[in-house]
Protein backbone atom coordinates (compact mmCIF):
# COMPACT_ATOMS: atom_id res chain seq x y z
CA MET A 1 13.61 0.01 -21.61
CA LYS A 2 13.12 -1.75 -18.30
CA LEU A 3 9.51 -2.36 -17.25
CA TYR A 4 8.10 -3.10 -13.81
CA VAL A 5 5.31 -5.69 -13.87
CA GLY A 6 3.31 -5.79 -10.64
CA ASN A 7 0.38 -7.78 -9.26
CA LEU A 8 1.55 -10.95 -11.01
CA PRO A 9 -0.23 -14.20 -10.14
CA TRP A 10 2.00 -16.31 -7.87
CA SER A 11 2.08 -19.07 -10.51
CA VAL A 12 3.68 -16.99 -13.31
CA SER A 13 7.20 -18.10 -14.29
CA ASP A 14 9.96 -16.21 -16.12
CA THR A 15 9.03 -18.06 -19.32
CA GLU A 16 5.33 -17.19 -19.02
CA LEU A 17 6.21 -13.54 -18.37
CA GLU A 18 8.44 -13.51 -21.45
CA ASP A 19 5.71 -15.16 -23.54
CA LEU A 20 3.16 -12.52 -22.49
CA PHE A 21 5.43 -9.62 -23.48
CA SER A 22 6.79 -11.27 -26.65
CA LYS A 23 3.32 -10.78 -28.18
CA ILE A 24 4.17 -7.05 -28.16
CA GLY A 25 7.80 -7.21 -29.34
CA THR A 26 11.25 -8.68 -28.77
CA VAL A 27 11.99 -9.37 -25.10
CA GLU A 28 15.62 -8.94 -24.04
CA SER A 29 15.02 -10.38 -20.56
CA ALA A 30 12.13 -11.28 -18.27
CA ASN A 31 12.37 -12.31 -14.66
CA VAL A 32 9.94 -12.81 -11.81
CA VAL A 33 11.40 -11.71 -8.46
CA MET A 34 11.54 -14.62 -6.03
CA ASP A 35 11.65 -14.57 -2.23
CA ARG A 36 15.09 -15.66 -1.01
CA ASP A 37 13.77 -17.63 1.95
CA SER A 38 10.69 -19.38 0.55
CA GLY A 39 11.66 -19.54 -3.14
CA ARG A 40 8.15 -18.35 -4.06
CA SER A 41 7.26 -15.47 -6.35
CA ARG A 42 7.00 -12.07 -4.68
CA GLY A 43 4.26 -11.08 -7.15
CA PHE A 44 6.27 -8.76 -9.37
CA GLY A 45 8.97 -8.87 -12.00
CA PHE A 46 10.89 -6.97 -14.63
CA VAL A 47 10.97 -7.13 -18.43
CA GLU A 48 13.50 -5.46 -20.72
CA MET A 49 12.66 -4.59 -24.31
CA SER A 50 13.28 -1.78 -26.81
CA GLN A 51 11.93 1.70 -26.00
CA ALA A 52 9.20 1.54 -28.66
CA ASP A 53 8.09 -1.99 -27.71
CA GLY A 54 8.23 -1.10 -24.02
CA GLN A 55 5.94 1.89 -24.47
CA ARG A 56 3.53 -0.27 -26.47
CA ALA A 57 3.62 -2.94 -23.74
CA VAL A 58 2.70 -0.37 -21.07
CA THR A 59 -0.23 0.84 -23.18
CA GLU A 60 -1.50 -2.63 -24.09
CA LEU A 61 -0.76 -4.70 -20.96
CA ASP A 62 -1.28 -2.31 -18.04
CA GLY A 63 -4.58 -3.30 -16.47
CA GLN A 64 -4.86 -6.58 -18.41
CA THR A 65 -6.18 -9.46 -16.32
CA VAL A 66 -4.02 -12.59 -16.01
CA ASP A 67 -5.36 -15.48 -13.90
CA GLY A 68 -7.82 -13.13 -12.20
CA ARG A 69 -5.23 -10.46 -11.33
CA GLN A 70 -5.01 -7.05 -12.98
CA LEU A 71 -1.40 -6.39 -14.04
CA ARG A 72 0.37 -3.12 -13.31
CA VAL A 73 2.90 -2.36 -16.05
CA ASN A 74 5.01 0.79 -16.10
CA GLU A 75 8.56 1.95 -16.67
CA ALA A 76 10.81 0.74 -13.86
CA GLN A 77 12.16 3.46 -11.59
CA PRO A 78 15.74 3.43 -10.31
CA LYS A 79 16.09 1.71 -6.96
CA SER A 80 16.19 4.32 -4.21
CA PRO A 81 19.20 4.18 -1.90
CA GLN A 82 18.49 2.41 1.35
CA ARG A 83 18.92 4.34 4.57
CA ALA A 84 21.44 3.18 7.13
CA ARG A 85 19.85 1.57 10.15
């Protein structure tokens, strides 16, 4: 199950994101999305874990405060196709 994790503090790294979710279950991957130009966090990321652990993570971590920011955790939605410009 792929999870979207939004409203991350700018300081959170891939390792810290993995550590947070590993308290719930086994994390297959965890990555914070970085801005290509600045190299800084864009404030969201993705975590992959089993279906059961993922559902538990949504229940337990959505709304949890990390460094003063309330996390948004839900199942990631497929990327919508971009329109031609």
